[in-house]
Amino acid sequence: MLRQAGTERPHVGEYTNTETEGVYTCRGCGAELFRSTEKFESHCGWPSFFDPADSDAVILRPDNSLGMRRVEVVCSNCHSHLGHVFEGEGYPTPTDKRYCINSISLRLQSADGS
């Protein structure tokens, strides 16, 4: 997933439905990407966030593969593929964006240290 820009199947990822508080880091390099405070339930089958932890944490780039126009999300540190970001879908979030991220590209560091 991280190197070949794949997408895991919906509803099977480790973090799809988790509500654990903490920080989501890149599985490839450990960089902080997202926080649980920006995670929301989108019912799309993948973990969804409305904003990265830091505006420089990810790079957004056009993805016109598979006959679709999408925006790919990659780790700004190691350039691992994380997922895609969608906008204007009507979610009640501060940004109206849905960072749809593969669970396998993330590692959760829980707030309680476990």
PDB file of N, CA and C in Angstrom:
ATOM      1  N   MET A   1       0.815  -1.193   0.000  1.00  0.00           N
ATOM      2  CA  MET A   1       0.000   0.000   0.000  1.00  0.00           C
ATOM      3  C   MET A   1       0.861   1.260   0.000  1.00  0.00           C
ATOM      4  N   LEU A   2       1.842   1.283   0.894  1.00  0.00           N
ATOM      5  CA  LEU A   2       2.657   2.488   1.063  1.00  0.00           C
ATOM      6  C   LEU A   2       3.490   2.813  -0.167  1.00  0.00           C
ATOM      7  N   ARG A   3       3.994   1.817  -0.837  1.00  0.00           N
ATOM      8  CA  ARG A   3       4.918   2.049  -1.951  1.00  0.00           C
ATOM      9  C   ARG A   3       4.259   1.965  -3.323  1.00  0.00           C
ATOM     10  N   GLN A   4       3.182   1.198  -3.444  1.00  0.00           N
ATOM     11  CA  GLN A   4       2.557   1.018  -4.752  1.00  0.00           C
ATOM     12  C   GLN A   4       1.194   1.693  -4.856  1.00  0.00           C
ATOM     13  N   ALA A   5       0.863   2.551  -3.898  1.00  0.00           N
ATOM     14  CA  ALA A   5      -0.377   3.350  -3.917  1.00  0.00           C
ATOM     15  C   ALA A   5      -1.631   2.494  -4.007  1.00  0.00           C
ATOM     16  N   GLY A   6      -1.629   1.392  -3.282  1.00  0.00           N
ATOM     17  CA  GLY A   6      -2.804   0.529  -3.260  1.00  0.00           C
ATOM     18  C   GLY A   6      -3.848   1.032  -2.274  1.00  0.00           C
ATOM     19  N   THR A   7      -5.001   0.387  -2.305  1.00  0.00           N
ATOM     20  CA  THR A   7      -6.090   0.724  -1.387  1.00  0.00           C
ATOM     21  C   THR A   7      -6.574  -0.557  -0.729  1.00  0.00           C
ATOM     22  N   GLU A   8      -6.615  -0.553   0.606  1.00  0.00           N
ATOM     23  CA  GLU A   8      -7.115  -1.739   1.293  1.00  0.00           C
ATOM     24  C   GLU A   8      -8.632  -1.830   1.123  1.00  0.00           C
ATOM     25  N   ARG A   9      -9.149  -3.025   1.300  1.00  0.00           N
ATOM     26  CA  ARG A   9     -10.598  -3.226   1.170  1.00  0.00           C
ATOM     27  C   ARG A   9     -11.326  -2.428   2.249  1.00  0.00           C
ATOM     28  N   PRO A  10     -12.522  -1.919   1.954  1.00  0.00           N
ATOM     29  CA  PRO A  10     -13.266  -1.160   2.966  1.00  0.00           C
ATOM     30  C   PRO A  10     -13.714  -2.039   4.130  1.00  0.00           C
ATOM     31  N   HIS A  11     -13.825  -1.425   5.289  1.00  0.00           N
ATOM     32  CA  HIS A  11     -14.376  -2.035   6.510  1.00  0.00           C
ATOM     33  C   HIS A  11     -13.517  -3.150   7.103  1.00  0.00           C
ATOM     34  N   VAL A  12     -12.258  -3.283   6.685  1.00  0.00           N
ATOM     35  CA  VAL A  12     -11.405  -4.332   7.245  1.00  0.00           C
ATOM     36  C   VAL A  12     -10.198  -3.774   7.990  1.00  0.00           C
ATOM     37  N   GLY A  13      -9.910  -2.498   7.832  1.00  0.00           N
ATOM     38  CA  GLY A  13      -8.725  -1.901   8.431  1.00  0.00           C
ATOM     39  C   GLY A  13      -8.814  -1.801   9.943  1.00  0.00           C
ATOM     40  N   GLU A  14      -7.670  -1.923  10.579  1.00  0.00           N
ATOM     41  CA  GLU A  14      -7.555  -1.912  12.038  1.00  0.00           C
ATOM     42  C   GLU A  14      -8.142  -0.657  12.679  1.00  0.00           C
ATOM     43  N   TYR A  15      -8.046   0.496  12.023  1.00  0.00           N
ATOM     44  CA  TYR A  15      -8.465   1.755  12.638  1.00  0.00           C
ATOM     45  C   TYR A  15      -9.767   2.329  12.083  1.00  0.00           C
ATOM     46  N   THR A  16     -10.459   1.570  11.275  1.00  0.00           N
ATOM     47  CA  THR A  16     -11.686   2.074  10.663  1.00  0.00           C
ATOM     48  C   THR A  16     -12.687   2.547  11.705  1.00  0.00           C
ATOM     49  N   ASN A  17     -12.917   1.765  12.726  1.00  0.00           N
ATOM     50  CA  ASN A  17     -13.937   2.111  13.713  1.00  0.00           C
ATOM     51  C   ASN A  17     -13.385   2.432  15.095  1.00  0.00           C
ATOM     52  N   THR A  18     -12.084   2.503  15.235  1.00  0.00           N
ATOM     53  CA  THR A  18     -11.524   2.762  16.556  1.00  0.00           C
ATOM     54  C   THR A  18     -11.825   4.188  17.020  1.00  0.00           C
ATOM     55  N   GLU A  19     -12.050   4.316  18.318  1.00  0.00           N
ATOM     56  CA  GLU A  19     -12.292   5.628  18.922  1.00  0.00           C
ATOM     57  C   GLU A  19     -11.222   5.948  19.962  1.00  0.00           C
ATOM     58  N   THR A  20     -10.125   5.216  19.924  1.00  0.00           N
ATOM     59  CA  THR A  20      -9.020   5.424  20.854  1.00  0.00           C
ATOM     60  C   THR A  20      -8.407   6.799  20.632  1.00  0.00           C
ATOM     61  N   GLU A  21      -8.164   7.516  21.723  1.00  0.00           N
ATOM     62  CA  GLU A  21      -7.529   8.832  21.629  1.00  0.00           C
ATOM     63  C   GLU A  21      -6.030   8.663  21.445  1.00  0.00           C
ATOM     64  N   GLY A  22      -5.457   9.469  20.554  1.00  0.00           N
ATOM     65  CA  GLY A  22      -4.026   9.415  20.346  1.00  0.00           C
ATOM     66  C   GLY A  22      -3.605  10.062  19.055  1.00  0.00           C
ATOM     67  N   VAL A  23      -2.408   9.701  18.631  1.00  0.00           N
ATOM     68  CA  VAL A  23      -1.784  10.268  17.444  1.00  0.00           C
ATOM     69  C   VAL A  23      -1.566   9.148  16.429  1.00  0.00           C
ATOM     70  N   TYR A  24      -1.923   9.423  15.189  1.00  0.00           N
ATOM     71  CA  TYR A  24      -1.712   8.477  14.102  1.00  0.00           C
ATOM     72  C   TYR A  24      -0.425   8.871  13.377  1.00  0.00           C
ATOM     73  N   THR A  25       0.512   7.931  13.313  1.00  0.00           N
ATOM     74  CA  THR A  25       1.789   8.188  12.665  1.00  0.00           C
ATOM     75  C   THR A  25       1.912   7.359  11.395  1.00  0.00           C
ATOM     76  N   CYS A  26       2.860   7.722  10.563  1.00  0.00           N
ATOM     77  CA  CYS A  26       3.128   6.998   9.324  1.00  0.00           C
ATOM     78  C   CYS A  26       3.774   5.658   9.657  1.00  0.00           C
ATOM     79  N   ARG A  27       3.227   4.596   9.119  1.00  0.00           N
ATOM     80  CA  ARG A  27       3.809   3.276   9.358  1.00  0.00           C
ATOM     81  C   ARG A  27       5.167   3.137   8.669  1.00  0.00           C
ATOM     82  N   GLY A  28       5.409   3.948   7.666  1.00  0.00           N
ATOM     83  CA  GLY A  28       6.677   3.872   6.952  1.00  0.00           C
ATOM     84  C   GLY A  28       7.830   4.545   7.671  1.00  0.00           C
ATOM     85  N   CYS A  29       7.570   5.687   8.333  1.00  0.00           N
ATOM     86  CA  CYS A  29       8.686   6.437   8.922  1.00  0.00           C
ATOM     87  C   CYS A  29       8.433   6.955  10.338  1.00  0.00           C
ATOM     88  N   GLY A  30       7.208   6.851  10.833  1.00  0.00           N
ATOM     89  CA  GLY A  30       6.901   7.283  12.191  1.00  0.00           C
ATOM     90  C   GLY A  30       6.513   8.743  12.335  1.00  0.00           C
ATOM     91  N   ALA A  31       6.440   9.491  11.242  1.00  0.00           N
ATOM     92  CA  ALA A  31       6.069  10.908  11.317  1.00  0.00           C
ATOM     93  C   ALA A  31       4.617  11.065  11.768  1.00  0.00           C
ATOM     94  N   GLU A  32       4.348  12.076  12.583  1.00  0.00           N
ATOM     95  CA  GLU A  32       2.984  12.355  13.029  1.00  0.00           C
ATOM     96  C   GLU A  32       2.166  12.872  11.846  1.00  0.00           C
ATOM     97  N   LEU A  33       1.003  12.251  11.627  1.00  0.00           N
ATOM     98  CA  LEU A  33       0.155  12.616  10.490  1.00  0.00           C
ATOM     99  C   LEU A  33      -1.194  13.183  10.902  1.00  0.00           C
ATOM    100  N   PHE A  34      -1.911  12.444  11.752  1.00  0.00           N
ATOM    101  CA  PHE A  34      -3.270  12.822  12.150  1.00  0.00           C
ATOM    102  C   PHE A  34      -3.438  12.608  13.640  1.00  0.00           C
ATOM    103  N   ARG A  35      -4.441  13.251  14.204  1.00  0.00           N
ATOM    104  CA  ARG A  35      -4.788  13.066  15.616  1.00  0.00           C
ATOM    105  C   ARG A  35      -6.219  12.568  15.716  1.00  0.00           C
ATOM    106  N   SER A  36      -6.498  11.867  16.791  1.00  0.00           N
ATOM    107  CA  SER A  36      -7.853  11.334  16.982  1.00  0.00           C
ATOM    108  C   SER A  36      -8.888  12.449  17.100  1.00  0.00           C
ATOM    109  N   THR A  37      -8.472  13.643  17.500  1.00  0.00           N
ATOM    110  CA  THR A  37      -9.413  14.763  17.628  1.00  0.00           C
ATOM    111  C   THR A  37      -9.934  15.228  16.268  1.00  0.00           C
ATOM    112  N   GLU A  38      -9.264  14.861  15.187  1.00  0.00           N
ATOM    113  CA  GLU A  38      -9.710  15.219  13.845  1.00  0.00           C
ATOM    114  C   GLU A  38     -10.304  14.027  13.098  1.00  0.00           C
ATOM    115  N   LYS A  39     -10.432  12.891  13.773  1.00  0.00           N
ATOM    116  CA  LYS A  39     -11.019  11.690  13.164  1.00  0.00           C
ATOM    117  C   LYS A  39     -12.539  11.760  13.310  1.00  0.00           C
ATOM    118  N   PHE A  40     -13.251  11.332  12.286  1.00  0.00           N
ATOM    119  CA  PHE A  40     -14.711  11.312  12.375  1.00  0.00           C
ATOM    120  C   PHE A  40     -15.269  10.097  11.643  1.00  0.00           C
ATOM    121  N   GLU A  41     -16.485   9.743  11.983  1.00  0.00           N
ATOM    122  CA  GLU A  41     -17.142   8.581  11.384  1.00  0.00           C
ATOM    123  C   GLU A  41     -17.816   9.012  10.080  1.00  0.00           C
ATOM    124  N   SER A  42     -17.260   8.556   8.974  1.00  0.00           N
ATOM    125  CA  SER A  42     -17.798   8.917   7.659  1.00  0.00           C
ATOM    126  C   SER A  42     -18.609   7.780   7.040  1.00  0.00           C
ATOM    127  N   HIS A  43     -18.538   6.588   7.635  1.00  0.00           N
ATOM    128  CA  HIS A  43     -19.244   5.400   7.149  1.00  0.00           C
ATOM    129  C   HIS A  43     -18.781   4.996   5.751  1.00  0.00           C
ATOM    130  N   CYS A  44     -17.536   5.345   5.396  1.00  0.00           N
ATOM    131  CA  CYS A  44     -17.037   5.013   4.063  1.00  0.00           C
ATOM    132  C   CYS A  44     -16.233   3.713   4.049  1.00  0.00           C
ATOM    133  N   GLY A  45     -15.840   3.214   5.241  1.00  0.00           N
ATOM    134  CA  GLY A  45     -15.087   1.970   5.304  1.00  0.00           C
ATOM    135  C   GLY A  45     -13.608   2.133   5.566  1.00  0.00           C
ATOM    136  N   TRP A  46     -13.140   3.376   5.671  1.00  0.00           N
ATOM    137  CA  TRP A  46     -11.749   3.670   5.979  1.00  0.00           C
ATOM    138  C   TRP A  46     -11.697   4.726   7.069  1.00  0.00           C
ATOM    139  N   PRO A  47     -10.605   4.803   7.813  1.00  0.00           N
ATOM    140  CA  PRO A  47     -10.477   5.884   8.786  1.00  0.00           C
ATOM    141  C   PRO A  47     -10.557   7.231   8.059  1.00  0.00           C
ATOM    142  N   SER A  48     -11.310   8.161   8.618  1.00  0.00           N
ATOM    143  CA  SER A  48     -11.487   9.472   7.997  1.00  0.00           C
ATOM    144  C   SER A  48     -11.120  10.578   8.972  1.00  0.00           C
ATOM    145  N   PHE A  49     -10.414  11.561   8.461  1.00  0.00           N
ATOM    146  CA  PHE A  49      -9.976  12.713   9.241  1.00  0.00           C
ATOM    147  C   PHE A  49     -10.359  13.975   8.471  1.00  0.00           C
ATOM    148  N   PHE A  50     -10.651  15.066   9.195  1.00  0.00           N
ATOM    149  CA  PHE A  50     -10.993  16.293   8.485  1.00  0.00           C
ATOM    150  C   PHE A  50      -9.812  17.226   8.314  1.00  0.00           C
ATOM    151  N   ASP A  51      -8.665  16.889   8.911  1.00  0.00           N
ATOM    152  CA  ASP A  51      -7.481  17.725   8.777  1.00  0.00           C
ATOM    153  C   ASP A  51      -6.267  16.954   9.285  1.00  0.00           C
ATOM    154  N   PRO A  52      -5.093  17.151   8.671  1.00  0.00           N
ATOM    155  CA  PRO A  52      -3.885  16.528   9.226  1.00  0.00           C
ATOM    156  C   PRO A  52      -3.454  17.226  10.516  1.00  0.00           C
ATOM    157  N   ALA A  53      -2.600  16.576  11.274  1.00  0.00           N
ATOM    158  CA  ALA A  53      -2.113  17.139  12.541  1.00  0.00           C
ATOM    159  C   ALA A  53      -1.379  18.453  12.318  1.00  0.00           C
ATOM    160  N   ASP A  54      -0.709  18.562  11.199  1.00  0.00           N
ATOM    161  CA  ASP A  54       0.077  19.749  10.856  1.00  0.00           C
ATOM    162  C   ASP A  54      -0.069  19.932   9.346  1.00  0.00           C
ATOM    163  N   SER A  55      -0.205  21.147   8.895  1.00  0.00           N
ATOM    164  CA  SER A  55      -0.420  21.377   7.466  1.00  0.00           C
ATOM    165  C   SER A  55       0.731  20.866   6.607  1.00  0.00           C
ATOM    166  N   ASP A  56       1.918  20.712   7.202  1.00  0.00           N
ATOM    167  CA  ASP A  56       3.068  20.200   6.459  1.00  0.00           C
ATOM    168  C   ASP A  56       3.255  18.690   6.612  1.00  0.00           C
ATOM    169  N   ALA A  57       2.353  18.014   7.303  1.00  0.00           N
ATOM    170  CA  ALA A  57       2.498  16.582   7.559  1.00  0.00           C
ATOM    171  C   ALA A  57       2.275  15.738   6.309  1.00  0.00           C
ATOM    172  N   VAL A  58       1.448  16.232   5.400  1.00  0.00           N
ATOM    173  CA  VAL A  58       1.127  15.479   4.191  1.00  0.00           C
ATOM    174  C   VAL A  58       1.310  16.350   2.952  1.00  0.00           C
ATOM    175  N   ILE A  59       1.488  15.672   1.839  1.00  0.00           N
ATOM    176  CA  ILE A  59       1.543  16.319   0.532  1.00  0.00           C
ATOM    177  C   ILE A  59       0.320  15.854  -0.237  1.00  0.00           C
ATOM    178  N   LEU A  60      -0.318  16.770  -0.932  1.00  0.00           N
ATOM    179  CA  LEU A  60      -1.467  16.440  -1.770  1.00  0.00           C
ATOM    180  C   LEU A  60      -1.038  16.552  -3.221  1.00  0.00           C
ATOM    181  N   ARG A  61      -1.359  15.517  -4.009  1.00  0.00           N
ATOM    182  CA  ARG A  61      -1.001  15.586  -5.421  1.00  0.00           C
ATOM    183  C   ARG A  61      -2.089  14.953  -6.277  1.00  0.00           C
ATOM    184  N   PRO A  62      -2.249  15.461  -7.492  1.00  0.00           N
ATOM    185  CA  PRO A  62      -3.293  14.937  -8.384  1.00  0.00           C
ATOM    186  C   PRO A  62      -3.093  13.455  -8.667  1.00  0.00           C
ATOM    187  N   ASP A  63      -4.189  12.731  -8.731  1.00  0.00           N
ATOM    188  CA  ASP A  63      -4.176  11.306  -9.053  1.00  0.00           C
ATOM    189  C   ASP A  63      -5.294  11.064 -10.062  1.00  0.00           C
ATOM    190  N   ASN A  64      -4.922  10.836 -11.298  1.00  0.00           N
ATOM    191  CA  ASN A  64      -5.904  10.595 -12.357  1.00  0.00           C
ATOM    192  C   ASN A  64      -5.942   9.125 -12.772  1.00  0.00           C
ATOM    193  N   SER A  65      -5.510   8.246 -11.886  1.00  0.00           N
ATOM    194  CA  SER A  65      -5.504   6.815 -12.190  1.00  0.00           C
ATOM    195  C   SER A  65      -6.925   6.249 -12.148  1.00  0.00           C
ATOM    196  N   LEU A  66      -7.080   5.104 -12.738  1.00  0.00           N
ATOM    197  CA  LEU A  66      -8.350   4.365 -12.755  1.00  0.00           C
ATOM    198  C   LEU A  66      -9.490   5.177 -13.350  1.00  0.00           C
ATOM    199  N   GLY A  67      -9.181   6.129 -14.209  1.00  0.00           N
ATOM    200  CA  GLY A  67     -10.205   6.917 -14.872  1.00  0.00           C
ATOM    201  C   GLY A  67     -10.937   7.881 -13.954  1.00  0.00           C
ATOM    202  N   MET A  68     -10.350   8.211 -12.812  1.00  0.00           N
ATOM    203  CA  MET A  68     -10.979   9.118 -11.855  1.00  0.00           C
ATOM    204  C   MET A  68     -10.061  10.298 -11.598  1.00  0.00           C
ATOM    205  N   ARG A  69     -10.656  11.412 -11.199  1.00  0.00           N
ATOM    206  CA  ARG A  69      -9.876  12.563 -10.754  1.00  0.00           C
ATOM    207  C   ARG A  69      -9.948  12.599  -9.239  1.00  0.00           C
ATOM    208  N   ARG A  70      -8.809  12.324  -8.609  1.00  0.00           N
ATOM    209  CA  ARG A  70      -8.749  12.325  -7.155  1.00  0.00           C
ATOM    210  C   ARG A  70      -7.508  13.085  -6.718  1.00  0.00           C
ATOM    211  N   VAL A  71      -7.390  13.260  -5.402  1.00  0.00           N
ATOM    212  CA  VAL A  71      -6.201  13.890  -4.836  1.00  0.00           C
ATOM    213  C   VAL A  71      -5.570  12.891  -3.876  1.00  0.00           C
ATOM    214  N   GLU A  72      -4.357  12.471  -4.197  1.00  0.00           N
ATOM    215  CA  GLU A  72      -3.628  11.510  -3.379  1.00  0.00           C
ATOM    216  C   GLU A  72      -3.022  12.215  -2.170  1.00  0.00           C
ATOM    217  N   VAL A  73      -2.998  11.518  -1.037  1.00  0.00           N
ATOM    218  CA  VAL A  73      -2.372  12.006   0.187  1.00  0.00           C
ATOM    219  C   VAL A  73      -1.137  11.152   0.440  1.00  0.00           C
ATOM    220  N   VAL A  74       0.032  11.810   0.554  1.00  0.00           N
ATOM    221  CA  VAL A  74       1.267  11.092   0.847  1.00  0.00           C
ATOM    222  C   VAL A  74       1.950  11.729   2.059  1.00  0.00           C
ATOM    223  N   CYS A  75       2.714  10.942   2.767  1.00  0.00           N
ATOM    224  CA  CYS A  75       3.495  11.430   3.902  1.00  0.00           C
ATOM    225  C   CYS A  75       4.550  12.399   3.375  1.00  0.00           C
ATOM    226  N   SER A  76       4.638  13.578   3.955  1.00  0.00           N
ATOM    227  CA  SER A  76       5.619  14.556   3.480  1.00  0.00           C
ATOM    228  C   SER A  76       7.051  14.165   3.855  1.00  0.00           C
ATOM    229  N   ASN A  77       7.203  13.270   4.809  1.00  0.00           N
ATOM    230  CA  ASN A  77       8.539  12.864   5.238  1.00  0.00           C
ATOM    231  C   ASN A  77       9.123  11.764   4.357  1.00  0.00           C
ATOM    232  N   CYS A  78       8.355  10.683   4.117  1.00  0.00           N
ATOM    233  CA  CYS A  78       8.898   9.543   3.367  1.00  0.00           C
ATOM    234  C   CYS A  78       8.168   9.269   2.055  1.00  0.00           C
ATOM    235  N   HIS A  79       7.167  10.068   1.761  1.00  0.00           N
ATOM    236  CA  HIS A  79       6.401   9.982   0.508  1.00  0.00           C
ATOM    237  C   HIS A  79       5.624   8.673   0.361  1.00  0.00           C
ATOM    238  N   SER A  80       5.274   8.053   1.469  1.00  0.00           N
ATOM    239  CA  SER A  80       4.429   6.858   1.429  1.00  0.00           C
ATOM    240  C   SER A  80       3.002   7.241   1.075  1.00  0.00           C
ATOM    241  N   HIS A  81       2.366   6.403   0.277  1.00  0.00           N
ATOM    242  CA  HIS A  81       0.954   6.602  -0.066  1.00  0.00           C
ATOM    243  C   HIS A  81       0.106   6.333   1.170  1.00  0.00           C
ATOM    244  N   LEU A  82      -0.787   7.273   1.483  1.00  0.00           N
ATOM    245  CA  LEU A  82      -1.660   7.128   2.652  1.00  0.00           C
ATOM    246  C   LEU A  82      -3.110   6.899   2.262  1.00  0.00           C
ATOM    247  N   GLY A  83      -3.555   7.525   1.199  1.00  0.00           N
ATOM    248  CA  GLY A  83      -4.949   7.442   0.782  1.00  0.00           C
ATOM    249  C   GLY A  83      -5.277   8.604  -0.129  1.00  0.00           C
ATOM    250  N   HIS A  84      -6.514   9.116   0.002  1.00  0.00           N
ATOM    251  CA  HIS A  84      -6.971  10.229  -0.824  1.00  0.00           C
ATOM    252  C   HIS A  84      -7.764  11.213   0.029  1.00  0.00           C
ATOM    253  N   VAL A  85      -7.878  12.439  -0.445  1.00  0.00           N
ATOM    254  CA  VAL A  85      -8.696  13.434   0.237  1.00  0.00           C
ATOM    255  C   VAL A  85      -9.822  13.853  -0.706  1.00  0.00           C
ATOM    256  N   PHE A  86     -11.016  13.985  -0.130  1.00  0.00           N
ATOM    257  CA  PHE A  86     -12.202  14.376  -0.878  1.00  0.00           C
ATOM    258  C   PHE A  86     -12.793  15.616  -0.226  1.00  0.00           C
ATOM    259  N   GLU A  87     -13.423  16.435  -1.015  1.00  0.00           N
ATOM    260  CA  GLU A  87     -13.919  17.717  -0.533  1.00  0.00           C
ATOM    261  C   GLU A  87     -15.336  17.947  -1.036  1.00  0.00           C
ATOM    262  N   GLY A  88     -16.100  18.714  -0.271  1.00  0.00           N
ATOM    263  CA  GLY A  88     -17.439  19.096  -0.709  1.00  0.00           C
ATOM    264  C   GLY A  88     -18.467  17.986  -0.648  1.00  0.00           C
ATOM    265  N   GLU A  89     -18.293  17.043   0.250  1.00  0.00           N
ATOM    266  CA  GLU A  89     -19.238  15.927   0.368  1.00  0.00           C
ATOM    267  C   GLU A  89     -20.336  16.199   1.386  1.00  0.00           C
ATOM    268  N   GLY A  90     -20.246  17.328   2.082  1.00  0.00           N
ATOM    269  CA  GLY A  90     -21.299  17.705   3.017  1.00  0.00           C
ATOM    270  C   GLY A  90     -21.157  17.173   4.423  1.00  0.00           C
ATOM    271  N   TYR A  91     -19.976  16.680   4.791  1.00  0.00           N
ATOM    272  CA  TYR A  91     -19.790  16.222   6.159  1.00  0.00           C
ATOM    273  C   TYR A  91     -19.770  17.429   7.098  1.00  0.00           C
ATOM    274  N   PRO A  92     -20.340  17.300   8.282  1.00  0.00           N
ATOM    275  CA  PRO A  92     -20.371  18.431   9.230  1.00  0.00           C
ATOM    276  C   PRO A  92     -19.051  18.569   9.988  1.00  0.00           C
ATOM    277  N   THR A  93     -18.010  18.892   9.272  1.00  0.00           N
ATOM    278  CA  THR A  93     -16.682  19.071   9.864  1.00  0.00           C
ATOM    279  C   THR A  93     -16.209  20.495   9.574  1.00  0.00           C
ATOM    280  N   PRO A  94     -15.237  20.983  10.310  1.00  0.00           N
ATOM    281  CA  PRO A  94     -14.751  22.354  10.103  1.00  0.00           C
ATOM    282  C   PRO A  94     -14.169  22.620   8.715  1.00  0.00           C
ATOM    283  N   THR A  95     -13.669  21.582   8.048  1.00  0.00           N
ATOM    284  CA  THR A  95     -12.997  21.793   6.763  1.00  0.00           C
ATOM    285  C   THR A  95     -13.801  21.311   5.562  1.00  0.00           C
ATOM    286  N   ASP A  96     -14.850  20.524   5.783  1.00  0.00           N
ATOM    287  CA  ASP A  96     -15.621  19.876   4.712  1.00  0.00           C
ATOM    288  C   ASP A  96     -14.717  18.999   3.838  1.00  0.00           C
ATOM    289  N   LYS A  97     -13.652  18.460   4.461  1.00  0.00           N
ATOM    290  CA  LYS A  97     -12.757  17.545   3.763  1.00  0.00           C
ATOM    291  C   LYS A  97     -12.786  16.197   4.458  1.00  0.00           C
ATOM    292  N   ARG A  98     -12.547  15.153   3.664  1.00  0.00           N
ATOM    293  CA  ARG A  98     -12.452  13.799   4.207  1.00  0.00           C
ATOM    294  C   ARG A  98     -11.145  13.194   3.720  1.00  0.00           C
ATOM    295  N   TYR A  99     -10.185  13.123   4.636  1.00  0.00           N
ATOM    296  CA  TYR A  99      -8.941  12.430   4.350  1.00  0.00           C
ATOM    297  C   TYR A  99      -9.223  10.956   4.585  1.00  0.00           C
ATOM    298  N   CYS A 100      -9.380  10.216   3.522  1.00  0.00           N
ATOM    299  CA  CYS A 100      -9.741   8.799   3.551  1.00  0.00           C
ATOM    300  C   CYS A 100      -8.426   8.010   3.503  1.00  0.00           C
ATOM    301  N   ILE A 101      -8.031   7.458   4.644  1.00  0.00           N
ATOM    302  CA  ILE A 101      -6.680   6.928   4.817  1.00  0.00           C
ATOM    303  C   ILE A 101      -6.705   5.413   5.068  1.00  0.00           C
ATOM    304  N   ASN A 102      -5.800   4.704   4.434  1.00  0.00           N
ATOM    305  CA  ASN A 102      -5.673   3.263   4.654  1.00  0.00           C
ATOM    306  C   ASN A 102      -5.156   3.005   6.068  1.00  0.00           C
ATOM    307  N   SER A 103      -5.836   2.156   6.817  1.00  0.00           N
ATOM    308  CA  SER A 103      -5.373   1.798   8.161  1.00  0.00           C
ATOM    309  C   SER A 103      -3.959   1.250   8.144  1.00  0.00           C
ATOM    310  N   ILE A 104      -3.654   0.467   7.139  1.00  0.00           N
ATOM    311  CA  ILE A 104      -2.339  -0.188   7.084  1.00  0.00           C
ATOM    312  C   ILE A 104      -1.197   0.813   6.921  1.00  0.00           C
ATOM    313  N   SER A 105      -1.498   2.034   6.513  1.00  0.00           N
ATOM    314  CA  SER A 105      -0.451   3.045   6.365  1.00  0.00           C
ATOM    315  C   SER A 105      -0.227   3.833   7.650  1.00  0.00           C
ATOM    316  N   LEU A 106      -1.019   3.527   8.678  1.00  0.00           N
ATOM    317  CA  LEU A 106      -0.950   4.254   9.942  1.00  0.00           C
ATOM    318  C   LEU A 106      -0.529   3.357  11.102  1.00  0.00           C
ATOM    319  N   ARG A 107      -0.060   3.992  12.163  1.00  0.00           N
ATOM    320  CA  ARG A 107       0.172   3.317  13.449  1.00  0.00           C
ATOM    321  C   ARG A 107      -0.345   4.270  14.515  1.00  0.00           C
ATOM    322  N   LEU A 108      -1.209   3.786  15.386  1.00  0.00           N
ATOM    323  CA  LEU A 108      -1.810   4.611  16.432  1.00  0.00           C
ATOM    324  C   LEU A 108      -0.992   4.558  17.709  1.00  0.00           C
ATOM    325  N   GLN A 109      -0.592   5.711  18.205  1.00  0.00           N
ATOM    326  CA  GLN A 109       0.044   5.829  19.500  1.00  0.00           C
ATOM    327  C   GLN A 109      -1.013   6.401  20.431  1.00  0.00           C
ATOM    328  N   SER A 110      -1.560   5.565  21.287  1.00  0.00           N
ATOM    329  CA  SER A 110      -2.675   5.993  22.128  1.00  0.00           C
ATOM    330  C   SER A 110      -2.223   7.021  23.162  1.00  0.00           C
ATOM    331  N   ALA A 111      -3.159   7.847  23.570  1.00  0.00           N
ATOM    332  CA  ALA A 111      -2.866   8.918  24.531  1.00  0.00           C
ATOM    333  C   ALA A 111      -2.411   8.361  25.872  1.00  0.00           C
ATOM    334  N   ASP A 112      -2.839   7.150  26.211  1.00  0.00           N
ATOM    335  CA  ASP A 112      -2.453   6.577  27.508  1.00  0.00           C
ATOM    336  C   ASP A 112      -1.118   5.825  27.433  1.00  0.00           C
ATOM    337  N   GLY A 113      -0.480   5.877  26.255  1.00  0.00           N
ATOM    338  CA  GLY A 113       0.839   5.273  26.110  1.00  0.00           C
ATOM    339  C   GLY A 113       0.852   3.809  25.735  1.00  0.00           C
ATOM    340  N   SER A 114      -0.319   3.206  25.561  1.00  0.00           N
ATOM    341  CA  SER A 114      -0.335   1.769  25.208  1.00  0.00           C
ATOM    342  C   SER A 114      -0.258   1.546  23.720  1.00  0.00           C
TER     343      SER A 114
END
